[in-house]
Amino acid sequence: MANMSVQLVAVERLLWSGEATAVVAQTTEGEIGILPGHEPLLGQLVEGGVVRITTTDKETVTAAVHGGFLSVTGAGVSVLAESAELAQEIDVAQARQDVKSDDELARTQAAARLRAAGQAD
């Protein structure tokens, strides 16, 4: 099976980099799936989205992503987020509190963190 190079990068750090067989991301145009050989594109990521990367080992890397872009080129896929958290790093208790916030952006981000962590209601 064909593979592609994928990088998941937030402003403050590189979250994941490696070979993958698929990437699924939520863009302003809807959810998009990327497989090796996909046509080049540039998509804007939604605020409070989730990105899933299927590695060549058939494991899934899941992250809550808050804004940014998805770039697909012949060289691979780059997810360039304003901020992002890997599922295993998410403080679920804090996210559950934040989802009750008066701040709409905080609620949106908290809901994405819960979805990425597999804790959405």
PDB file of N, CA and C in Angstrom:
ATOM      1  N   MET A   1       0.845  -1.181   0.000  1.00  0.00           N
ATOM      2  CA  MET A   1       0.000   0.000   0.000  1.00  0.00           C
ATOM      3  C   MET A   1       0.891   1.245   0.000  1.00  0.00           C
ATOM      4  N   ALA A   2       0.432   2.293  -0.662  1.00  0.00           N
ATOM      5  CA  ALA A   2       1.193   3.534  -0.755  1.00  0.00           C
ATOM      6  C   ALA A   2       1.134   4.304   0.566  1.00  0.00           C
ATOM      7  N   ASN A   3       2.190   5.028   0.822  1.00  0.00           N
ATOM      8  CA  ASN A   3       2.281   5.852   2.023  1.00  0.00           C
ATOM      9  C   ASN A   3       2.531   7.296   1.633  1.00  0.00           C
ATOM     10  N   MET A   4       2.375   8.179   2.599  1.00  0.00           N
ATOM     11  CA  MET A   4       2.683   9.590   2.393  1.00  0.00           C
ATOM     12  C   MET A   4       3.320  10.152   3.657  1.00  0.00           C
ATOM     13  N   SER A   5       4.113  11.162   3.482  1.00  0.00           N
ATOM     14  CA  SER A   5       4.747  11.851   4.598  1.00  0.00           C
ATOM     15  C   SER A   5       3.737  12.834   5.191  1.00  0.00           C
ATOM     16  N   VAL A   6       3.587  12.815   6.529  1.00  0.00           N
ATOM     17  CA  VAL A   6       2.623  13.689   7.195  1.00  0.00           C
ATOM     18  C   VAL A   6       3.307  14.384   8.363  1.00  0.00           C
ATOM     19  N   GLN A   7       3.003  15.674   8.497  1.00  0.00           N
ATOM     20  CA  GLN A   7       3.468  16.439   9.650  1.00  0.00           C
ATOM     21  C   GLN A   7       2.276  17.146  10.274  1.00  0.00           C
ATOM     22  N   LEU A   8       2.157  17.026  11.584  1.00  0.00           N
ATOM     23  CA  LEU A   8       1.140  17.736  12.355  1.00  0.00           C
ATOM     24  C   LEU A   8       1.893  18.723  13.241  1.00  0.00           C
ATOM     25  N   VAL A   9       1.740  20.008  12.922  1.00  0.00           N
ATOM     26  CA  VAL A   9       2.533  21.045  13.567  1.00  0.00           C
ATOM     27  C   VAL A   9       1.623  22.123  14.137  1.00  0.00           C
ATOM     28  N   ALA A  10       1.882  22.518  15.368  1.00  0.00           N
ATOM     29  CA  ALA A  10       1.216  23.671  15.965  1.00  0.00           C
ATOM     30  C   ALA A  10       2.251  24.784  16.066  1.00  0.00           C
ATOM     31  N   VAL A  11       1.795  25.983  16.312  1.00  0.00           N
ATOM     32  CA  VAL A  11       2.717  27.123  16.392  1.00  0.00           C
ATOM     33  C   VAL A  11       3.842  26.846  17.377  1.00  0.00           C
ATOM     34  N   GLU A  12       3.505  26.229  18.514  1.00  0.00           N
ATOM     35  CA  GLU A  12       4.500  26.054  19.573  1.00  0.00           C
ATOM     36  C   GLU A  12       5.350  24.790  19.454  1.00  0.00           C
ATOM     37  N   ARG A  13       4.925  23.808  18.596  1.00  0.00           N
ATOM     38  CA  ARG A  13       5.721  22.577  18.542  1.00  0.00           C
ATOM     39  C   ARG A  13       5.263  21.634  17.425  1.00  0.00           C
ATOM     40  N   LEU A  14       6.115  20.673  17.137  1.00  0.00           N
ATOM     41  CA  LEU A  14       5.797  19.574  16.237  1.00  0.00           C
ATOM     42  C   LEU A  14       5.122  18.496  17.072  1.00  0.00           C
ATOM     43  N   LEU A  15       3.880  18.130  16.721  1.00  0.00           N
ATOM     44  CA  LEU A  15       3.149  17.121  17.492  1.00  0.00           C
ATOM     45  C   LEU A  15       3.412  15.718  16.976  1.00  0.00           C
ATOM     46  N   TRP A  16       3.474  15.560  15.640  1.00  0.00           N
ATOM     47  CA  TRP A  16       3.699  14.232  15.076  1.00  0.00           C
ATOM     48  C   TRP A  16       4.236  14.382  13.663  1.00  0.00           C
ATOM     49  N   SER A  17       5.128  13.484  13.309  1.00  0.00           N
ATOM     50  CA  SER A  17       5.684  13.464  11.960  1.00  0.00           C
ATOM     51  C   SER A  17       6.006  12.028  11.614  1.00  0.00           C
ATOM     52  N   GLY A  18       5.669  11.616  10.405  1.00  0.00           N
ATOM     53  CA  GLY A  18       5.981  10.261   9.993  1.00  0.00           C
ATOM     54  C   GLY A  18       5.255   9.872   8.726  1.00  0.00           C
ATOM     55  N   GLU A  19       5.272   8.581   8.450  1.00  0.00           N
ATOM     56  CA  GLU A  19       4.602   8.039   7.279  1.00  0.00           C
ATOM     57  C   GLU A  19       3.190   7.607   7.672  1.00  0.00           C
ATOM     58  N   ALA A  20       2.239   7.857   6.791  1.00  0.00           N
ATOM     59  CA  ALA A  20       0.850   7.522   7.069  1.00  0.00           C
ATOM     60  C   ALA A  20       0.163   7.016   5.805  1.00  0.00           C
ATOM     61  N   THR A  21      -0.967   6.375   6.015  1.00  0.00           N
ATOM     62  CA  THR A  21      -1.765   5.892   4.893  1.00  0.00           C
ATOM     63  C   THR A  21      -3.003   6.743   4.663  1.00  0.00           C
ATOM     64  N   ALA A  22      -3.399   7.562   5.660  1.00  0.00           N
ATOM     65  CA  ALA A  22      -4.587   8.411   5.516  1.00  0.00           C
ATOM     66  C   ALA A  22      -4.569   9.541   6.534  1.00  0.00           C
ATOM     67  N   VAL A  23      -5.203  10.644   6.160  1.00  0.00           N
ATOM     68  CA  VAL A  23      -5.410  11.784   7.057  1.00  0.00           C
ATOM     69  C   VAL A  23      -6.853  12.240   6.862  1.00  0.00           C
ATOM     70  N   VAL A  24      -7.552  12.472   7.979  1.00  0.00           N
ATOM     71  CA  VAL A  24      -8.908  13.022   7.930  1.00  0.00           C
ATOM     72  C   VAL A  24      -8.895  14.299   8.758  1.00  0.00           C
ATOM     73  N   ALA A  25      -9.416  15.386   8.165  1.00  0.00           N
ATOM     74  CA  ALA A  25      -9.431  16.672   8.859  1.00  0.00           C
ATOM     75  C   ALA A  25     -10.739  17.393   8.575  1.00  0.00           C
ATOM     76  N   GLN A  26     -11.088  18.298   9.459  1.00  0.00           N
ATOM     77  CA  GLN A  26     -12.293  19.104   9.297  1.00  0.00           C
ATOM     78  C   GLN A  26     -11.877  20.484   8.814  1.00  0.00           C
ATOM     79  N   THR A  27     -12.328  20.834   7.610  1.00  0.00           N
ATOM     80  CA  THR A  27     -12.026  22.137   7.034  1.00  0.00           C
ATOM     81  C   THR A  27     -13.294  22.972   6.966  1.00  0.00           C
ATOM     82  N   THR A  28     -13.129  24.225   6.603  1.00  0.00           N
ATOM     83  CA  THR A  28     -14.287  25.112   6.473  1.00  0.00           C
ATOM     84  C   THR A  28     -15.213  24.663   5.348  1.00  0.00           C
ATOM     85  N   GLU A  29     -14.728  23.806   4.457  1.00  0.00           N
ATOM     86  CA  GLU A  29     -15.542  23.276   3.358  1.00  0.00           C
ATOM     87  C   GLU A  29     -16.146  21.918   3.697  1.00  0.00           C
ATOM     88  N   GLY A  30     -15.835  21.389   4.877  1.00  0.00           N
ATOM     89  CA  GLY A  30     -16.334  20.088   5.302  1.00  0.00           C
ATOM     90  C   GLY A  30     -15.193  19.153   5.646  1.00  0.00           C
ATOM     91  N   GLU A  31     -15.549  17.942   6.051  1.00  0.00           N
ATOM     92  CA  GLU A  31     -14.540  16.944   6.407  1.00  0.00           C
ATOM     93  C   GLU A  31     -13.905  16.404   5.131  1.00  0.00           C
ATOM     94  N   ILE A  32     -12.588  16.243   5.171  1.00  0.00           N
ATOM     95  CA  ILE A  32     -11.868  15.770   3.999  1.00  0.00           C
ATOM     96  C   ILE A  32     -10.954  14.619   4.381  1.00  0.00           C
ATOM     97  N   GLY A  33     -10.902  13.631   3.525  1.00  0.00           N
ATOM     98  CA  GLY A  33      -9.992  12.508   3.702  1.00  0.00           C
ATOM     99  C   GLY A  33      -8.901  12.585   2.648  1.00  0.00           C
ATOM    100  N   ILE A  34      -7.674  12.395   3.072  1.00  0.00           N
ATOM    101  CA  ILE A  34      -6.525  12.460   2.174  1.00  0.00           C
ATOM    102  C   ILE A  34      -5.855  11.092   2.148  1.00  0.00           C
ATOM    103  N   LEU A  35      -5.656  10.568   0.967  1.00  0.00           N
ATOM    104  CA  LEU A  35      -4.926   9.318   0.759  1.00  0.00           C
ATOM    105  C   LEU A  35      -3.697   9.617  -0.086  1.00  0.00           C
ATOM    106  N   PRO A  36      -2.699   8.726  -0.097  1.00  0.00           N
ATOM    107  CA  PRO A  36      -1.517   8.945  -0.934  1.00  0.00           C
ATOM    108  C   PRO A  36      -1.927   9.206  -2.390  1.00  0.00           C
ATOM    109  N   GLY A  37      -1.273  10.169  -3.020  1.00  0.00           N
ATOM    110  CA  GLY A  37      -1.560  10.507  -4.404  1.00  0.00           C
ATOM    111  C   GLY A  37      -2.674  11.527  -4.573  1.00  0.00           C
ATOM    112  N   HIS A  38      -3.183  12.071  -3.458  1.00  0.00           N
ATOM    113  CA  HIS A  38      -4.254  13.066  -3.523  1.00  0.00           C
ATOM    114  C   HIS A  38      -3.775  14.295  -4.292  1.00  0.00           C
ATOM    115  N   GLU A  39      -4.696  14.930  -4.974  1.00  0.00           N
ATOM    116  CA  GLU A  39      -4.382  16.164  -5.682  1.00  0.00           C
ATOM    117  C   GLU A  39      -3.921  17.239  -4.695  1.00  0.00           C
ATOM    118  N   PRO A  40      -3.018  18.118  -5.105  1.00  0.00           N
ATOM    119  CA  PRO A  40      -2.597  19.210  -4.228  1.00  0.00           C
ATOM    120  C   PRO A  40      -3.784  20.093  -3.851  1.00  0.00           C
ATOM    121  N   LEU A  41      -3.786  20.550  -2.602  1.00  0.00           N
ATOM    122  CA  LEU A  41      -4.829  21.471  -2.150  1.00  0.00           C
ATOM    123  C   LEU A  41      -4.376  22.208  -0.912  1.00  0.00           C
ATOM    124  N   LEU A  42      -5.079  23.279  -0.627  1.00  0.00           N
ATOM    125  CA  LEU A  42      -4.871  24.039   0.597  1.00  0.00           C
ATOM    126  C   LEU A  42      -6.242  24.257   1.200  1.00  0.00           C
ATOM    127  N   GLY A  43      -6.425  23.827   2.438  1.00  0.00           N
ATOM    128  CA  GLY A  43      -7.708  23.975   3.107  1.00  0.00           C
ATOM    129  C   GLY A  43      -7.549  24.665   4.442  1.00  0.00           C
ATOM    130  N   GLN A  44      -8.544  25.450   4.810  1.00  0.00           N
ATOM    131  CA  GLN A  44      -8.541  26.117   6.108  1.00  0.00           C
ATOM    132  C   GLN A  44      -9.205  25.200   7.126  1.00  0.00           C
ATOM    133  N   LEU A  45      -8.521  24.926   8.230  1.00  0.00           N
ATOM    134  CA  LEU A  45      -9.061  24.075   9.288  1.00  0.00           C
ATOM    135  C   LEU A  45     -10.083  24.853  10.113  1.00  0.00           C
ATOM    136  N   VAL A  46     -11.114  24.154  10.570  1.00  0.00           N
ATOM    137  CA  VAL A  46     -12.110  24.805  11.413  1.00  0.00           C
ATOM    138  C   VAL A  46     -11.553  24.979  12.824  1.00  0.00           C
ATOM    139  N   GLU A  47     -12.094  25.960  13.504  1.00  0.00           N
ATOM    140  CA  GLU A  47     -11.782  26.151  14.921  1.00  0.00           C
ATOM    141  C   GLU A  47     -12.476  25.034  15.678  1.00  0.00           C
ATOM    142  N   GLY A  48     -11.740  24.295  16.486  1.00  0.00           N
ATOM    143  CA  GLY A  48     -12.349  23.211  17.244  1.00  0.00           C
ATOM    144  C   GLY A  48     -12.589  21.965  16.419  1.00  0.00           C
ATOM    145  N   GLY A  49     -11.662  21.656  15.531  1.00  0.00           N
ATOM    146  CA  GLY A  49     -11.778  20.450  14.714  1.00  0.00           C
ATOM    147  C   GLY A  49     -10.934  19.311  15.276  1.00  0.00           C
ATOM    148  N   VAL A  50     -11.071  18.155  14.638  1.00  0.00           N
ATOM    149  CA  VAL A  50     -10.291  16.982  15.020  1.00  0.00           C
ATOM    150  C   VAL A  50      -9.584  16.470  13.776  1.00  0.00           C
ATOM    151  N   VAL A  51      -8.316  16.115  13.921  1.00  0.00           N
ATOM    152  CA  VAL A  51      -7.534  15.517  12.836  1.00  0.00           C
ATOM    153  C   VAL A  51      -7.183  14.094  13.250  1.00  0.00           C
ATOM    154  N   ARG A  52      -7.358  13.158  12.310  1.00  0.00           N
ATOM    155  CA  ARG A  52      -6.994  11.756  12.555  1.00  0.00           C
ATOM    156  C   ARG A  52      -6.009  11.323  11.480  1.00  0.00           C
ATOM    157  N   ILE A  53      -4.913  10.753  11.922  1.00  0.00           N
ATOM    158  CA  ILE A  53      -3.871  10.254  11.021  1.00  0.00           C
ATOM    159  C   ILE A  53      -3.769   8.752  11.226  1.00  0.00           C
ATOM    160  N   THR A  54      -3.872   8.000  10.153  1.00  0.00           N
ATOM    161  CA  THR A  54      -3.681   6.555  10.226  1.00  0.00           C
ATOM    162  C   THR A  54      -2.244   6.266   9.828  1.00  0.00           C
ATOM    163  N   THR A  55      -1.459   5.748  10.769  1.00  0.00           N
ATOM    164  CA  THR A  55      -0.043   5.498  10.518  1.00  0.00           C
ATOM    165  C   THR A  55       0.129   4.223   9.694  1.00  0.00           C
ATOM    166  N   THR A  56       1.338   4.015   9.224  1.00  0.00           N
ATOM    167  CA  THR A  56       1.623   2.801   8.453  1.00  0.00           C
ATOM    168  C   THR A  56       1.524   1.556   9.333  1.00  0.00           C
ATOM    169  N   ASP A  57       1.582   1.725  10.652  1.00  0.00           N
ATOM    170  CA  ASP A  57       1.415   0.616  11.601  1.00  0.00           C
ATOM    171  C   ASP A  57      -0.055   0.380  11.949  1.00  0.00           C
ATOM    172  N   LYS A  58      -0.954   1.071  11.238  1.00  0.00           N
ATOM    173  CA  LYS A  58      -2.406   0.971  11.440  1.00  0.00           C
ATOM    174  C   LYS A  58      -2.863   1.522  12.791  1.00  0.00           C
ATOM    175  N   GLU A  59      -2.054   2.372  13.382  1.00  0.00           N
ATOM    176  CA  GLU A  59      -2.455   3.072  14.596  1.00  0.00           C
ATOM    177  C   GLU A  59      -3.043   4.416  14.193  1.00  0.00           C
ATOM    178  N   THR A  60      -3.863   4.987  15.074  1.00  0.00           N
ATOM    179  CA  THR A  60      -4.476   6.281  14.781  1.00  0.00           C
ATOM    180  C   THR A  60      -3.931   7.337  15.728  1.00  0.00           C
ATOM    181  N   VAL A  61      -3.436   8.417  15.151  1.00  0.00           N
ATOM    182  CA  VAL A  61      -3.006   9.583  15.912  1.00  0.00           C
ATOM    183  C   VAL A  61      -4.147  10.583  15.803  1.00  0.00           C
ATOM    184  N   THR A  62      -4.697  10.975  16.950  1.00  0.00           N
ATOM    185  CA  THR A  62      -5.843  11.889  16.967  1.00  0.00           C
ATOM    186  C   THR A  62      -5.453  13.151  17.717  1.00  0.00           C
ATOM    187  N   ALA A  63      -5.866  14.293  17.177  1.00  0.00           N
ATOM    188  CA  ALA A  63      -5.558  15.568  17.820  1.00  0.00           C
ATOM    189  C   ALA A  63      -6.727  16.526  17.690  1.00  0.00           C
ATOM    190  N   ALA A  64      -6.941  17.319  18.735  1.00  0.00           N
ATOM    191  CA  ALA A  64      -7.858  18.449  18.674  1.00  0.00           C
ATOM    192  C   ALA A  64      -7.060  19.590  18.060  1.00  0.00           C
ATOM    193  N   VAL A  65      -7.620  20.208  17.027  1.00  0.00           N
ATOM    194  CA  VAL A  65      -6.896  21.239  16.287  1.00  0.00           C
ATOM    195  C   VAL A  65      -7.742  22.505  16.279  1.00  0.00           C
ATOM    196  N   HIS A  66      -7.102  23.617  16.561  1.00  0.00           N
ATOM    197  CA  HIS A  66      -7.804  24.882  16.675  1.00  0.00           C
ATOM    198  C   HIS A  66      -7.258  25.864  15.646  1.00  0.00           C
ATOM    199  N   GLY A  67      -7.911  25.927  14.488  1.00  0.00           N
ATOM    200  CA  GLY A  67      -7.523  26.844  13.430  1.00  0.00           C
ATOM    201  C   GLY A  67      -6.269  26.393  12.701  1.00  0.00           C
ATOM    202  N   GLY A  68      -5.991  27.043  11.586  1.00  0.00           N
ATOM    203  CA  GLY A  68      -4.802  26.742  10.812  1.00  0.00           C
ATOM    204  C   GLY A  68      -5.155  26.247   9.423  1.00  0.00           C
ATOM    205  N   PHE A  69      -4.215  25.510   8.816  1.00  0.00           N
ATOM    206  CA  PHE A  69      -4.365  25.079   7.435  1.00  0.00           C
ATOM    207  C   PHE A  69      -3.927  23.636   7.244  1.00  0.00           C
ATOM    208  N   LEU A  70      -4.464  23.025   6.199  1.00  0.00           N
ATOM    209  CA  LEU A  70      -4.071  21.701   5.742  1.00  0.00           C
ATOM    210  C   LEU A  70      -3.501  21.899   4.349  1.00  0.00           C
ATOM    211  N   SER A  71      -2.282  21.441   4.137  1.00  0.00           N
ATOM    212  CA  SER A  71      -1.630  21.574   2.840  1.00  0.00           C
ATOM    213  C   SER A  71      -1.277  20.196   2.309  1.00  0.00           C
ATOM    214  N   VAL A  72      -1.709  19.916   1.082  1.00  0.00           N
ATOM    215  CA  VAL A  72      -1.382  18.656   0.425  1.00  0.00           C
ATOM    216  C   VAL A  72      -0.569  18.979  -0.813  1.00  0.00           C
ATOM    217  N   THR A  73       0.630  18.407  -0.890  1.00  0.00           N
ATOM    218  CA  THR A  73       1.501  18.587  -2.050  1.00  0.00           C
ATOM    219  C   THR A  73       2.004  17.217  -2.487  1.00  0.00           C
ATOM    220  N   GLY A  74       2.781  17.200  -3.538  1.00  0.00           N
ATOM    221  CA  GLY A  74       3.381  15.957  -3.973  1.00  0.00           C
ATOM    222  C   GLY A  74       4.325  15.374  -2.929  1.00  0.00           C
ATOM    223  N   ALA A  75       4.842  16.219  -2.040  1.00  0.00           N
ATOM    224  CA  ALA A  75       5.778  15.777  -1.009  1.00  0.00           C
ATOM    225  C   ALA A  75       5.070  15.209   0.219  1.00  0.00           C
ATOM    226  N   GLY A  76       3.765  15.458   0.373  1.00  0.00           N
ATOM    227  CA  GLY A  76       3.046  14.932   1.529  1.00  0.00           C
ATOM    228  C   GLY A  76       1.997  15.885   2.044  1.00  0.00           C
ATOM    229  N   VAL A  77       1.606  15.675   3.300  1.00  0.00           N
ATOM    230  CA  VAL A  77       0.541  16.448   3.941  1.00  0.00           C
ATOM    231  C   VAL A  77       1.118  17.172   5.153  1.00  0.00           C
ATOM    232  N   SER A  78       0.783  18.454   5.258  1.00  0.00           N
ATOM    233  CA  SER A  78       1.159  19.234   6.430  1.00  0.00           C
ATOM    234  C   SER A  78      -0.106  19.801   7.052  1.00  0.00           C
ATOM    235  N   VAL A  79      -0.279  19.536   8.338  1.00  0.00           N
ATOM    236  CA  VAL A  79      -1.362  20.134   9.100  1.00  0.00           C
ATOM    237  C   VAL A  79      -0.696  21.199   9.961  1.00  0.00           C
ATOM    238  N   LEU A  80      -0.987  22.454   9.650  1.00  0.00           N
ATOM    239  CA  LEU A  80      -0.350  23.588  10.309  1.00  0.00           C
ATOM    240  C   LEU A  80      -1.401  24.294  11.164  1.00  0.00           C
ATOM    241  N   ALA A  81      -1.420  23.997  12.446  1.00  0.00           N
ATOM    242  CA  ALA A  81      -2.467  24.487  13.340  1.00  0.00           C
ATOM    243  C   ALA A  81      -1.998  25.672  14.170  1.00  0.00           C
ATOM    244  N   GLU A  82      -2.949  26.539  14.501  1.00  0.00           N
ATOM    245  CA  GLU A  82      -2.640  27.623  15.433  1.00  0.00           C
ATOM    246  C   GLU A  82      -2.315  27.042  16.797  1.00  0.00           C
ATOM    247  N   SER A  83      -3.116  26.048  17.220  1.00  0.00           N
ATOM    248  CA  SER A  83      -2.801  25.275  18.422  1.00  0.00           C
ATOM    249  C   SER A  83      -3.423  23.899  18.256  1.00  0.00           C
ATOM    250  N   ALA A  84      -2.849  22.915  18.946  1.00  0.00           N
ATOM    251  CA  ALA A  84      -3.333  21.542  18.832  1.00  0.00           C
ATOM    252  C   ALA A  84      -2.884  20.747  20.048  1.00  0.00           C
ATOM    253  N   GLU A  85      -3.653  19.701  20.351  1.00  0.00           N
ATOM    254  CA  GLU A  85      -3.329  18.797  21.455  1.00  0.00           C
ATOM    255  C   GLU A  85      -3.560  17.368  20.997  1.00  0.00           C
ATOM    256  N   LEU A  86      -2.587  16.508  21.239  1.00  0.00           N
ATOM    257  CA  LEU A  86      -2.779  15.091  20.964  1.00  0.00           C
ATOM    258  C   LEU A  86      -3.781  14.523  21.955  1.00  0.00           C
ATOM    259  N   ALA A  87      -4.546  13.537  21.536  1.00  0.00           N
ATOM    260  CA  ALA A  87      -5.616  12.975  22.373  1.00  0.00           C
ATOM    261  C   ALA A  87      -5.114  12.559  23.744  1.00  0.00           C
ATOM    262  N   GLN A  88      -3.954  11.909  23.810  1.00  0.00           N
ATOM    263  CA  GLN A  88      -3.450  11.407  25.093  1.00  0.00           C
ATOM    264  C   GLN A  88      -2.965  12.527  26.021  1.00  0.00           C
ATOM    265  N   GLU A  89      -2.820  13.738  25.515  1.00  0.00           N
ATOM    266  CA  GLU A  89      -2.370  14.869  26.333  1.00  0.00           C
ATOM    267  C   GLU A  89      -3.533  15.675  26.916  1.00  0.00           C
ATOM    268  N   ILE A  90      -4.731  15.386  26.485  1.00  0.00           N
ATOM    269  CA  ILE A  90      -5.888  16.204  26.854  1.00  0.00           C
ATOM    270  C   ILE A  90      -6.327  15.924  28.287  1.00  0.00           C
ATOM    271  N   ASP A  91      -6.512  16.992  29.034  1.00  0.00           N
ATOM    272  CA  ASP A  91      -7.050  16.918  30.396  1.00  0.00           C
ATOM    273  C   ASP A  91      -8.578  16.890  30.263  1.00  0.00           C
ATOM    274  N   VAL A  92      -9.148  15.699  30.306  1.00  0.00           N
ATOM    275  CA  VAL A  92     -10.582  15.519  30.078  1.00  0.00           C
ATOM    276  C   VAL A  92     -11.406  16.260  31.122  1.00  0.00           C
ATOM    277  N   ALA A  93     -11.002  16.212  32.377  1.00  0.00           N
ATOM    278  CA  ALA A  93     -11.748  16.900  33.433  1.00  0.00           C
ATOM    279  C   ALA A  93     -11.794  18.406  33.166  1.00  0.00           C
ATOM    280  N   GLN A  94     -10.673  18.974  32.756  1.00  0.00           N
ATOM    281  CA  GLN A  94     -10.634  20.405  32.452  1.00  0.00           C
ATOM    282  C   GLN A  94     -11.495  20.721  31.226  1.00  0.00           C
ATOM    283  N   ALA A  95     -11.434  19.861  30.219  1.00  0.00           N
ATOM    284  CA  ALA A  95     -12.242  20.073  29.019  1.00  0.00           C
ATOM    285  C   ALA A  95     -13.733  20.025  29.356  1.00  0.00           C
ATOM    286  N   ARG A  96     -14.118  19.124  30.247  1.00  0.00           N
ATOM    287  CA  ARG A  96     -15.531  19.040  30.661  1.00  0.00           C
ATOM    288  C   ARG A  96     -15.974  20.332  31.366  1.00  0.00           C
ATOM    289  N   GLN A  97     -15.077  20.930  32.130  1.00  0.00           N
ATOM    290  CA  GLN A  97     -15.393  22.208  32.777  1.00  0.00           C
ATOM    291  C   GLN A  97     -15.468  23.322  31.740  1.00  0.00           C
ATOM    292  N   ASP A  98     -14.502  23.330  30.812  1.00  0.00           N
ATOM    293  CA  ASP A  98     -14.433  24.390  29.804  1.00  0.00           C
ATOM    294  C   ASP A  98     -15.620  24.384  28.853  1.00  0.00           C
ATOM    295  N   VAL A  99     -16.222  23.212  28.644  1.00  0.00           N
ATOM    296  CA  VAL A  99     -17.358  23.132  27.730  1.00  0.00           C
ATOM    297  C   VAL A  99     -18.574  23.867  28.293  1.00  0.00           C
ATOM    298  N   LYS A 100     -18.543  24.196  29.581  1.00  0.00           N
ATOM    299  CA  LYS A 100     -19.628  24.935  30.230  1.00  0.00           C
ATOM    300  C   LYS A 100     -19.334  26.434  30.305  1.00  0.00           C
ATOM    301  N   SER A 101     -18.243  26.862  29.696  1.00  0.00           N
ATOM    302  CA  SER A 101     -17.799  28.250  29.758  1.00  0.00           C
ATOM    303  C   SER A 101     -18.797  29.199  29.092  1.00  0.00           C
ATOM    304  N   ASP A 102     -18.766  30.460  29.508  1.00  0.00           N
ATOM    305  CA  ASP A 102     -19.561  31.500  28.857  1.00  0.00           C
ATOM    306  C   ASP A 102     -18.931  31.930  27.536  1.00  0.00           C
ATOM    307  N   ASP A 103     -17.661  31.627  27.356  1.00  0.00           N
ATOM    308  CA  ASP A 103     -16.911  31.998  26.160  1.00  0.00           C
ATOM    309  C   ASP A 103     -17.133  30.956  25.059  1.00  0.00           C
ATOM    310  N   GLU A 104     -17.727  31.395  23.946  1.00  0.00           N
ATOM    311  CA  GLU A 104     -18.056  30.468  22.853  1.00  0.00           C
ATOM    312  C   GLU A 104     -16.819  29.778  22.287  1.00  0.00           C
ATOM    313  N   LEU A 105     -15.726  30.508  22.126  1.00  0.00           N
ATOM    314  CA  LEU A 105     -14.497  29.911  21.606  1.00  0.00           C
ATOM    315  C   LEU A 105     -13.966  28.840  22.554  1.00  0.00           C
ATOM    316  N   ALA A 106     -13.998  29.106  23.846  1.00  0.00           N
ATOM    317  CA  ALA A 106     -13.545  28.118  24.833  1.00  0.00           C
ATOM    318  C   ALA A 106     -14.418  26.868  24.785  1.00  0.00           C
ATOM    319  N   ARG A 107     -15.737  27.041  24.620  1.00  0.00           N
ATOM    320  CA  ARG A 107     -16.638  25.891  24.511  1.00  0.00           C
ATOM    321  C   ARG A 107     -16.339  25.074  23.254  1.00  0.00           C
ATOM    322  N   THR A 108     -16.101  25.748  22.137  1.00  0.00           N
ATOM    323  CA  THR A 108     -15.804  25.070  20.871  1.00  0.00           C
ATOM    324  C   THR A 108     -14.523  24.257  20.983  1.00  0.00           C
ATOM    325  N   GLN A 109     -13.492  24.863  21.556  1.00  0.00           N
ATOM    326  CA  GLN A 109     -12.214  24.173  21.716  1.00  0.00           C
ATOM    327  C   GLN A 109     -12.330  23.012  22.691  1.00  0.00           C
ATOM    328  N   ALA A 110     -13.072  23.199  23.774  1.00  0.00           N
ATOM    329  CA  ALA A 110     -13.246  22.130  24.758  1.00  0.00           C
ATOM    330  C   ALA A 110     -14.000  20.950  24.147  1.00  0.00           C
ATOM    331  N   ALA A 111     -15.013  21.228  23.349  1.00  0.00           N
ATOM    332  CA  ALA A 111     -15.771  20.153  22.696  1.00  0.00           C
ATOM    333  C   ALA A 111     -14.866  19.363  21.754  1.00  0.00           C
ATOM    334  N   ALA A 112     -13.983  20.051  21.034  1.00  0.00           N
ATOM    335  CA  ALA A 112     -13.041  19.353  20.144  1.00  0.00           C
ATOM    336  C   ALA A 112     -12.076  18.494  20.952  1.00  0.00           C
ATOM    337  N   ARG A 113     -11.614  19.006  22.082  1.00  0.00           N
ATOM    338  CA  ARG A 113     -10.707  18.233  22.923  1.00  0.00           C
ATOM    339  C   ARG A 113     -11.390  16.967  23.426  1.00  0.00           C
ATOM    340  N   LEU A 114     -12.664  17.072  23.800  1.00  0.00           N
ATOM    341  CA  LEU A 114     -13.410  15.880  24.256  1.00  0.00           C
ATOM    342  C   LEU A 114     -13.615  14.892  23.114  1.00  0.00           C
ATOM    343  N   ARG A 115     -13.916  15.370  21.912  1.00  0.00           N
ATOM    344  CA  ARG A 115     -14.083  14.472  20.760  1.00  0.00           C
ATOM    345  C   ARG A 115     -12.761  13.763  20.459  1.00  0.00           C
ATOM    346  N   ALA A 116     -11.669  14.508  20.476  1.00  0.00           N
ATOM    347  CA  ALA A 116     -10.357  13.911  20.181  1.00  0.00           C
ATOM    348  C   ALA A 116      -9.988  12.868  21.217  1.00  0.00           C
ATOM    349  N   ALA A 117     -10.364  13.101  22.464  1.00  0.00           N
ATOM    350  CA  ALA A 117     -10.050  12.168  23.544  1.00  0.00           C
ATOM    351  C   ALA A 117     -11.050  11.009  23.615  1.00  0.00           C
ATOM    352  N   GLY A 118     -12.042  11.009  22.723  1.00  0.00           N
ATOM    353  CA  GLY A 118     -13.035   9.937  22.728  1.00  0.00           C
ATOM    354  C   GLY A 118     -14.019  10.061  23.872  1.00  0.00           C
ATOM    355  N   GLN A 119     -14.209  11.292  24.376  1.00  0.00           N
ATOM    356  CA  GLN A 119     -15.063  11.509  25.549  1.00  0.00           C
ATOM    357  C   GLN A 119     -16.293  12.352  25.241  1.00  0.00           C
ATOM    358  N   ALA A 120     -16.600  12.558  23.971  1.00  0.00           N
ATOM    359  CA  ALA A 120     -17.763  13.370  23.618  1.00  0.00           C
ATOM    360  C   ALA A 120     -19.041  12.633  23.996  1.00  0.00           C
ATOM    361  N   ASP A 121     -20.009  13.390  24.460  1.00  0.00           N
ATOM    362  CA  ASP A 121     -21.301  12.793  24.861  1.00  0.00           C
ATOM    363  C   ASP A 121     -22.130  12.430  23.666  1.00  0.00           C
TER     364      ASP A 121
END
